[in-house]
Amino acid sequence: MKTYYFVRHGASLADSGELEFEGINAPASADDIPLSDLGREEAARAADFFHRLGVADAVFSSPLGRTYDTAAAIATRLDLPVQLLPEVREVDVSGIFEFFKKRSARDSRFKLGPKDMPFPVYRRMLMATGSALFAAWRVADSIPGTERVDAVRLRLERALNLLDDAPGRHIVVVCHGYFILYLASYLLQHNPLELARMDRVWVPNCSVTKVTARPNGKLRLRYFARDDYDTLLKI
């Protein structure tokens, strides 16, 4: 039976407030924005968690720099190579983001950035924006410049098949927030009540989502977007 640990990358320059977008600050999505100093610290803590867990057999990563560098920190601590898995790249919601940016040009309420508020407040605003973009993507599914839901489903299924064929029983996959949200939704068959029980609307940087394979081959979501590492070591 295989176990997968899907890890969101450490904070990028956008996540940490060091890089402002035009108008509202939204998650970087498909853009290749590098890790911040905060993100490298988070990656080091994630690497320590997996070292203490002591079960990883392989480390896979999305090709974007912020995921690869996070995966490299984990893999180095485990003395494993990083294997690229393009299928787990971020969901492209740039078309929806462009819609928000155009609105921000007409509405000053959308012009707040990290320099205008305490950092914890900015991070909460960023997570709320990311959740709104994800919800809009799931509902709209036809905005130009935005990846279709069916396309994400197909590459998620390809990724799961490739991971199933990979050697080893415990596999770490470093990927992205929207992708992990979609993974959880997919495994719970898009059931709103089940999704509500996850008790989170966003995926924190370097949080872990654990998925296991049942004897019948079906995948089970064991926990979602957890970054309380000391507790996870006891589960």
C-alpha atoms as a PDB file:
ATOM      1  CA  MET A   1       0.000   0.000   0.000  1.00  0.00           C
ATOM      2  CA  LYS A   2       1.392   3.388  -0.986  1.00  0.00           C
ATOM      3  CA  THR A   3       1.361   6.616   0.988  1.00  0.00           C
ATOM      4  CA  TYR A   4       1.735  10.037  -0.626  1.00  0.00           C
ATOM      5  CA  TYR A   5       2.636  13.285   1.092  1.00  0.00           C
ATOM      6  CA  PHE A   6       1.638  16.279  -1.030  1.00  0.00           C
ATOM      7  CA  VAL A   7       3.538  19.340   0.184  1.00  0.00           C
ATOM      8  CA  ARG A   8       2.906  22.924  -0.855  1.00  0.00           C
ATOM      9  CA  HIS A   9       6.128  24.827  -1.590  1.00  0.00           C
ATOM     10  CA  GLY A  10       7.576  27.335   0.859  1.00  0.00           C
ATOM     11  CA  ALA A  11       6.546  30.982   0.694  1.00  0.00           C
ATOM     12  CA  SER A  12       7.443  32.656  -2.576  1.00  0.00           C
ATOM     13  CA  LEU A  13       8.331  36.332  -2.890  1.00  0.00           C
ATOM     14  CA  ALA A  14       4.622  36.933  -3.572  1.00  0.00           C
ATOM     15  CA  ASP A  15       3.461  34.899  -0.561  1.00  0.00           C
ATOM     16  CA  SER A  16       5.861  36.726   1.766  1.00  0.00           C
ATOM     17  CA  GLY A  17       4.839  40.193   0.567  1.00  0.00           C
ATOM     18  CA  GLU A  18       8.233  41.004  -0.972  1.00  0.00           C
ATOM     19  CA  LEU A  19       6.821  41.161  -4.493  1.00  0.00           C
ATOM     20  CA  GLU A  20       3.675  43.181  -5.173  1.00  0.00           C
ATOM     21  CA  PHE A  21       1.387  42.567  -8.105  1.00  0.00           C
ATOM     22  CA  GLU A  22      -0.489  45.317  -9.868  1.00  0.00           C
ATOM     23  CA  GLY A  23      -3.612  46.011  -7.800  1.00  0.00           C
ATOM     24  CA  ILE A  24      -4.524  43.238  -5.402  1.00  0.00           C
ATOM     25  CA  ASN A  25      -1.911  40.780  -4.257  1.00  0.00           C
ATOM     26  CA  ALA A  26      -2.953  37.323  -5.397  1.00  0.00           C
ATOM     27  CA  PRO A  27      -1.180  33.958  -5.207  1.00  0.00           C
ATOM     28  CA  ALA A  28       1.438  33.579  -7.918  1.00  0.00           C
ATOM     29  CA  SER A  29      -0.371  30.738  -9.663  1.00  0.00           C
ATOM     30  CA  ALA A  30       1.485  29.518 -12.756  1.00  0.00           C
ATOM     31  CA  ASP A  31       4.142  32.279 -12.658  1.00  0.00           C
ATOM     32  CA  ASP A  32       7.651  31.069 -11.790  1.00  0.00           C
ATOM     33  CA  ILE A  33       8.264  33.217  -8.714  1.00  0.00           C
ATOM     34  CA  PRO A  34      11.161  32.084  -6.492  1.00  0.00           C
ATOM     35  CA  LEU A  35      11.223  31.279  -2.792  1.00  0.00           C
ATOM     36  CA  SER A  36      11.656  34.098  -0.312  1.00  0.00           C
ATOM     37  CA  ASP A  37      13.902  33.926   2.755  1.00  0.00           C
ATOM     38  CA  LEU A  38      10.783  32.933   4.699  1.00  0.00           C
ATOM     39  CA  GLY A  39      10.090  30.189   2.158  1.00  0.00           C
ATOM     40  CA  ARG A  40      13.594  28.766   2.543  1.00  0.00           C
ATOM     41  CA  GLU A  41      13.125  28.668   6.320  1.00  0.00           C
ATOM     42  CA  GLU A  42       9.803  26.862   5.858  1.00  0.00           C
ATOM     43  CA  ALA A  43      11.417  24.385   3.459  1.00  0.00           C
ATOM     44  CA  ALA A  44      14.113  23.647   6.051  1.00  0.00           C
ATOM     45  CA  ARG A  45      11.432  22.945   8.677  1.00  0.00           C
ATOM     46  CA  ALA A  46       9.588  20.651   6.248  1.00  0.00           C
ATOM     47  CA  ALA A  47      12.864  18.846   5.533  1.00  0.00           C
ATOM     48  CA  ASP A  48      13.366  18.333   9.250  1.00  0.00           C
ATOM     49  CA  PHE A  49       9.831  16.930   9.548  1.00  0.00           C
ATOM     50  CA  PHE A  50      10.398  14.315   6.832  1.00  0.00           C
ATOM     51  CA  HIS A  51      13.806  13.453   8.273  1.00  0.00           C
ATOM     52  CA  ARG A  52      12.153  12.805  11.648  1.00  0.00           C
ATOM     53  CA  LEU A  53       9.312  10.902   9.968  1.00  0.00           C
ATOM     54  CA  GLY A  54      11.949   8.640   8.438  1.00  0.00           C
ATOM     55  CA  VAL A  55       9.855   6.828   5.820  1.00  0.00           C
ATOM     56  CA  ALA A  56      10.233   8.677   2.489  1.00  0.00           C
ATOM     57  CA  ASP A  57      11.432   6.590  -0.468  1.00  0.00           C
ATOM     58  CA  ALA A  58      11.224   9.223  -3.230  1.00  0.00           C
ATOM     59  CA  VAL A  59      10.786  12.968  -3.701  1.00  0.00           C
ATOM     60  CA  PHE A  60       8.940  14.400  -6.716  1.00  0.00           C
ATOM     61  CA  SER A  61       8.496  18.052  -7.640  1.00  0.00           C
ATOM     62  CA  SER A  62       6.684  20.395  -9.973  1.00  0.00           C
ATOM     63  CA  PRO A  63       9.157  22.046 -12.395  1.00  0.00           C
ATOM     64  CA  LEU A  64       8.666  25.594 -11.021  1.00  0.00           C
ATOM     65  CA  GLY A  65      11.576  26.994  -9.050  1.00  0.00           C
ATOM     66  CA  ARG A  66       9.773  27.493  -5.747  1.00  0.00           C
ATOM     67  CA  THR A  67       8.669  23.858  -5.695  1.00  0.00           C
ATOM     68  CA  TYR A  68      11.981  22.453  -6.890  1.00  0.00           C
ATOM     69  CA  ASP A  69      13.945  24.400  -4.273  1.00  0.00           C
ATOM     70  CA  THR A  70      11.558  23.236  -1.541  1.00  0.00           C
ATOM     71  CA  ALA A  71      11.841  19.648  -2.775  1.00  0.00           C
ATOM     72  CA  ALA A  72      15.636  19.952  -2.932  1.00  0.00           C
ATOM     73  CA  ALA A  73      15.770  20.968   0.739  1.00  0.00           C
ATOM     74  CA  ILE A  74      13.694  17.909   1.666  1.00  0.00           C
ATOM     75  CA  ALA A  75      15.539  15.522  -0.659  1.00  0.00           C
ATOM     76  CA  THR A  76      18.968  16.676   0.505  1.00  0.00           C
ATOM     77  CA  ARG A  77      18.033  15.960   4.118  1.00  0.00           C
ATOM     78  CA  LEU A  78      16.804  12.503   3.076  1.00  0.00           C
ATOM     79  CA  ASP A  79      19.767  11.787   0.762  1.00  0.00           C
ATOM     80  CA  LEU A  80      17.414  11.311  -2.196  1.00  0.00           C
ATOM     81  CA  PRO A  81      17.302  12.855  -5.697  1.00  0.00           C
ATOM     82  CA  VAL A  82      14.522  15.192  -6.813  1.00  0.00           C
ATOM     83  CA  GLN A  83      12.444  13.767  -9.658  1.00  0.00           C
ATOM     84  CA  LEU A  84      10.471  16.210 -11.802  1.00  0.00           C
ATOM     85  CA  LEU A  85       6.764  15.589 -12.322  1.00  0.00           C
ATOM     86  CA  PRO A  86       5.353  18.272 -14.681  1.00  0.00           C
ATOM     87  CA  GLU A  87       1.812  16.970 -14.189  1.00  0.00           C
ATOM     88  CA  VAL A  88       1.668  18.517 -10.689  1.00  0.00           C
ATOM     89  CA  ARG A  89       2.417  22.064 -11.837  1.00  0.00           C
ATOM     90  CA  GLU A  90       0.152  24.818 -10.563  1.00  0.00           C
ATOM     91  CA  VAL A  91      -3.370  25.376 -11.868  1.00  0.00           C
ATOM     92  CA  ASP A  92      -3.352  28.382 -14.198  1.00  0.00           C
ATOM     93  CA  VAL A  93      -5.991  30.849 -13.010  1.00  0.00           C
ATOM     94  CA  SER A  94      -4.349  33.848 -14.699  1.00  0.00           C
ATOM     95  CA  GLY A  95      -7.498  34.715 -16.678  1.00  0.00           C
ATOM     96  CA  ILE A  96      -9.513  35.100 -13.465  1.00  0.00           C
ATOM     97  CA  PHE A  97      -6.642  37.016 -11.850  1.00  0.00           C
ATOM     98  CA  GLU A  98      -6.658  39.434 -14.815  1.00  0.00           C
ATOM     99  CA  PHE A  99     -10.365  40.042 -14.214  1.00  0.00           C
ATOM    100  CA  PHE A 100      -9.635  40.995 -10.595  1.00  0.00           C
ATOM    101  CA  LYS A 101      -6.764  43.252 -11.664  1.00  0.00           C
ATOM    102  CA  LYS A 102      -8.981  45.117 -14.137  1.00  0.00           C
ATOM    103  CA  ARG A 103     -11.541  45.649 -11.410  1.00  0.00           C
ATOM    104  CA  SER A 104      -8.836  46.865  -9.034  1.00  0.00           C
ATOM    105  CA  ALA A 105      -8.035  49.682 -11.446  1.00  0.00           C
ATOM    106  CA  ARG A 106     -11.589  50.993 -10.941  1.00  0.00           C
ATOM    107  CA  ASP A 107     -12.056  50.230  -7.260  1.00  0.00           C
ATOM    108  CA  SER A 108      -9.605  51.479  -4.629  1.00  0.00           C
ATOM    109  CA  ARG A 109     -10.707  48.755  -2.196  1.00  0.00           C
ATOM    110  CA  PHE A 110      -8.587  46.325  -4.217  1.00  0.00           C
ATOM    111  CA  LYS A 111      -5.405  48.415  -4.102  1.00  0.00           C
ATOM    112  CA  LEU A 112      -4.124  47.367  -0.694  1.00  0.00           C
ATOM    113  CA  GLY A 113      -0.748  45.655  -0.586  1.00  0.00           C
ATOM    114  CA  PRO A 114       1.658  44.271   2.038  1.00  0.00           C
ATOM    115  CA  LYS A 115       3.000  47.730   2.850  1.00  0.00           C
ATOM    116  CA  ASP A 116      -0.480  48.905   3.886  1.00  0.00           C
ATOM    117  CA  MET A 117      -1.157  46.449   6.727  1.00  0.00           C
ATOM    118  CA  PRO A 118       0.509  44.164   9.309  1.00  0.00           C
ATOM    119  CA  PHE A 119       2.015  41.075   7.705  1.00  0.00           C
ATOM    120  CA  PRO A 120      -0.346  38.547   9.408  1.00  0.00           C
ATOM    121  CA  VAL A 121      -3.322  40.536   8.087  1.00  0.00           C
ATOM    122  CA  TYR A 122      -1.789  40.602   4.611  1.00  0.00           C
ATOM    123  CA  ARG A 123      -1.285  36.826   4.686  1.00  0.00           C
ATOM    124  CA  ARG A 124      -4.903  36.274   5.692  1.00  0.00           C
ATOM    125  CA  MET A 125      -6.050  38.552   2.873  1.00  0.00           C
ATOM    126  CA  LEU A 126      -3.836  36.654   0.457  1.00  0.00           C
ATOM    127  CA  MET A 127      -5.332  33.306   1.533  1.00  0.00           C
ATOM    128  CA  ALA A 128      -8.868  34.676   1.192  1.00  0.00           C
ATOM    129  CA  THR A 129      -8.044  35.947  -2.299  1.00  0.00           C
ATOM    130  CA  GLY A 130      -6.607  32.568  -3.255  1.00  0.00           C
ATOM    131  CA  SER A 131      -9.728  30.794  -2.036  1.00  0.00           C
ATOM    132  CA  ALA A 132     -11.950  33.181  -3.987  1.00  0.00           C
ATOM    133  CA  LEU A 133      -9.933  32.634  -7.168  1.00  0.00           C
ATOM    134  CA  PHE A 134     -10.113  28.861  -6.733  1.00  0.00           C
ATOM    135  CA  ALA A 135     -13.888  28.977  -6.201  1.00  0.00           C
ATOM    136  CA  ALA A 136     -14.331  31.247  -9.220  1.00  0.00           C
ATOM    137  CA  TRP A 137     -12.218  28.895 -11.344  1.00  0.00           C
ATOM    138  CA  ARG A 138     -14.324  25.885 -10.343  1.00  0.00           C
ATOM    139  CA  VAL A 139     -17.568  27.719 -11.194  1.00  0.00           C
ATOM    140  CA  ALA A 140     -16.587  29.658 -14.319  1.00  0.00           C
ATOM    141  CA  ASP A 141     -14.388  27.089 -16.076  1.00  0.00           C
ATOM    142  CA  SER A 142     -14.410  29.009 -19.361  1.00  0.00           C
ATOM    143  CA  ILE A 143     -12.586  32.309 -18.800  1.00  0.00           C
ATOM    144  CA  PRO A 144      -9.958  32.908 -21.521  1.00  0.00           C
ATOM    145  CA  GLY A 145      -6.399  32.374 -20.351  1.00  0.00           C
ATOM    146  CA  THR A 146      -7.461  30.021 -17.576  1.00  0.00           C
ATOM    147  CA  GLU A 147      -6.858  26.264 -17.443  1.00  0.00           C
ATOM    148  CA  ARG A 148     -10.014  24.183 -17.788  1.00  0.00           C
ATOM    149  CA  VAL A 149     -11.126  21.998 -14.877  1.00  0.00           C
ATOM    150  CA  ASP A 150     -11.176  18.894 -17.088  1.00  0.00           C
ATOM    151  CA  ALA A 151      -7.572  19.550 -18.133  1.00  0.00           C
ATOM    152  CA  VAL A 152      -6.485  19.671 -14.493  1.00  0.00           C
ATOM    153  CA  ARG A 153      -8.385  16.462 -13.782  1.00  0.00           C
ATOM    154  CA  LEU A 154      -6.612  14.681 -16.631  1.00  0.00           C
ATOM    155  CA  ARG A 155      -3.138  15.697 -15.546  1.00  0.00           C
ATOM    156  CA  LEU A 156      -3.936  14.901 -11.912  1.00  0.00           C
ATOM    157  CA  GLU A 157      -4.976  11.406 -12.975  1.00  0.00           C
ATOM    158  CA  ARG A 158      -1.795  11.045 -15.056  1.00  0.00           C
ATOM    159  CA  ALA A 159       0.262  12.131 -12.052  1.00  0.00           C
ATOM    160  CA  LEU A 160      -1.457   9.620  -9.774  1.00  0.00           C
ATOM    161  CA  ASN A 161      -0.842   6.835 -12.294  1.00  0.00           C
ATOM    162  CA  LEU A 162       2.842   7.764 -12.591  1.00  0.00           C
ATOM    163  CA  LEU A 163       3.219   7.901  -8.820  1.00  0.00           C
ATOM    164  CA  ASP A 164       1.530   4.530  -8.486  1.00  0.00           C
ATOM    165  CA  ASP A 165       4.171   3.059 -10.832  1.00  0.00           C
ATOM    166  CA  ALA A 166       7.073   4.716  -9.021  1.00  0.00           C
ATOM    167  CA  PRO A 167       9.292   2.503  -6.833  1.00  0.00           C
ATOM    168  CA  GLY A 168       8.860   2.840  -3.091  1.00  0.00           C
ATOM    169  CA  ARG A 169       5.906   2.955  -0.734  1.00  0.00           C
ATOM    170  CA  HIS A 170       6.223   6.440   0.785  1.00  0.00           C
ATOM    171  CA  ILE A 171       6.446   9.284  -1.708  1.00  0.00           C
ATOM    172  CA  VAL A 172       6.780  13.039  -1.162  1.00  0.00           C
ATOM    173  CA  VAL A 173       5.332  15.286  -3.882  1.00  0.00           C
ATOM    174  CA  VAL A 174       6.087  19.012  -3.679  1.00  0.00           C
ATOM    175  CA  CYS A 175       3.534  21.011  -5.633  1.00  0.00           C
ATOM    176  CA  HIS A 176       1.148  23.977  -5.305  1.00  0.00           C
ATOM    177  CA  GLY A 177      -1.811  25.322  -3.356  1.00  0.00           C
ATOM    178  CA  TYR A 178      -4.482  25.244  -6.061  1.00  0.00           C
ATOM    179  CA  PHE A 179      -3.340  21.814  -7.208  1.00  0.00           C
ATOM    180  CA  ILE A 180      -3.615  20.423  -3.664  1.00  0.00           C
ATOM    181  CA  LEU A 181      -7.051  22.014  -3.226  1.00  0.00           C
ATOM    182  CA  TYR A 182      -8.177  20.335  -6.427  1.00  0.00           C
ATOM    183  CA  LEU A 183      -6.626  17.017  -5.341  1.00  0.00           C
ATOM    184  CA  ALA A 184      -8.615  17.098  -2.086  1.00  0.00           C
ATOM    185  CA  SER A 185     -11.791  18.035  -3.939  1.00  0.00           C
ATOM    186  CA  TYR A 186     -11.206  15.242  -6.457  1.00  0.00           C
ATOM    187  CA  LEU A 187     -10.616  12.599  -3.790  1.00  0.00           C
ATOM    188  CA  LEU A 188     -13.749  13.682  -1.927  1.00  0.00           C
ATOM    189  CA  GLN A 189     -15.708  13.568  -5.205  1.00  0.00           C
ATOM    190  CA  HIS A 190     -16.367  17.323  -5.035  1.00  0.00           C
ATOM    191  CA  ASN A 191     -18.804  16.778  -2.160  1.00  0.00           C
ATOM    192  CA  PRO A 192     -19.348  20.230  -0.543  1.00  0.00           C
ATOM    193  CA  LEU A 193     -20.184  18.715   2.853  1.00  0.00           C
ATOM    194  CA  GLU A 194     -17.021  16.610   2.882  1.00  0.00           C
ATOM    195  CA  LEU A 195     -14.952  19.575   1.728  1.00  0.00           C
ATOM    196  CA  ALA A 196     -16.384  21.667   4.565  1.00  0.00           C
ATOM    197  CA  ARG A 197     -15.206  19.053   7.065  1.00  0.00           C
ATOM    198  CA  MET A 198     -11.618  19.707   6.012  1.00  0.00           C
ATOM    199  CA  ASP A 199     -12.002  22.929   8.042  1.00  0.00           C
ATOM    200  CA  ARG A 200      -9.615  24.887   5.816  1.00  0.00           C
ATOM    201  CA  VAL A 201     -10.131  27.146   2.853  1.00  0.00           C
ATOM    202  CA  TRP A 202      -6.498  27.419   1.852  1.00  0.00           C
ATOM    203  CA  VAL A 203      -3.265  25.433   1.834  1.00  0.00           C
ATOM    204  CA  PRO A 204      -0.502  26.975   4.002  1.00  0.00           C
ATOM    205  CA  ASN A 205       3.038  27.037   2.682  1.00  0.00           C
ATOM    206  CA  CYS A 206       4.892  23.774   3.402  1.00  0.00           C
ATOM    207  CA  SER A 207       1.743  22.155   4.809  1.00  0.00           C
ATOM    208  CA  VAL A 208       1.327  18.420   4.226  1.00  0.00           C
ATOM    209  CA  THR A 209      -1.641  16.551   2.742  1.00  0.00           C
ATOM    210  CA  LYS A 210      -1.472  12.797   3.301  1.00  0.00           C
ATOM    211  CA  VAL A 211      -3.101  10.357   0.862  1.00  0.00           C
ATOM    212  CA  THR A 212      -3.076   6.568   1.171  1.00  0.00           C
ATOM    213  CA  ALA A 213      -4.126   3.791  -1.181  1.00  0.00           C
ATOM    214  CA  ARG A 214      -6.793   1.381   0.044  1.00  0.00           C
ATOM    215  CA  PRO A 215      -6.552  -2.379  -0.666  1.00  0.00           C
ATOM    216  CA  ASN A 216      -9.057  -1.893  -3.517  1.00  0.00           C
ATOM    217  CA  GLY A 217      -6.762   0.665  -5.118  1.00  0.00           C
ATOM    218  CA  LYS A 218      -8.887   3.706  -4.277  1.00  0.00           C
ATOM    219  CA  LEU A 219      -7.141   6.674  -2.691  1.00  0.00           C
ATOM    220  CA  ARG A 220      -8.107   8.038   0.716  1.00  0.00           C
ATOM    221  CA  LEU A 221      -7.465  11.558   2.011  1.00  0.00           C
ATOM    222  CA  ARG A 222      -6.001  10.976   5.478  1.00  0.00           C
ATOM    223  CA  TYR A 223      -5.379  14.610   6.422  1.00  0.00           C
ATOM    224  CA  PHE A 224      -5.372  17.916   4.571  1.00  0.00           C
ATOM    225  CA  ALA A 225      -3.057  20.952   4.627  1.00  0.00           C
ATOM    226  CA  ARG A 226      -1.512  20.314   8.058  1.00  0.00           C
ATOM    227  CA  ASP A 227       1.603  22.140   9.221  1.00  0.00           C
ATOM    228  CA  ASP A 228       1.539  21.090  12.885  1.00  0.00           C
ATOM    229  CA  TYR A 229       4.516  18.806  12.330  1.00  0.00           C
ATOM    230  CA  ASP A 230       4.932  17.602  15.924  1.00  0.00           C
ATOM    231  CA  THR A 231       1.347  16.328  15.947  1.00  0.00           C
ATOM    232  CA  LEU A 232       1.702  14.736  12.510  1.00  0.00           C
ATOM    233  CA  LEU A 233       4.671  12.704  13.722  1.00  0.00           C
ATOM    234  CA  LYS A 234       2.300  10.967  16.147  1.00  0.00           C
ATOM    235  CA  ILE A 235      -0.395  10.140  13.573  1.00  0.00           C
END
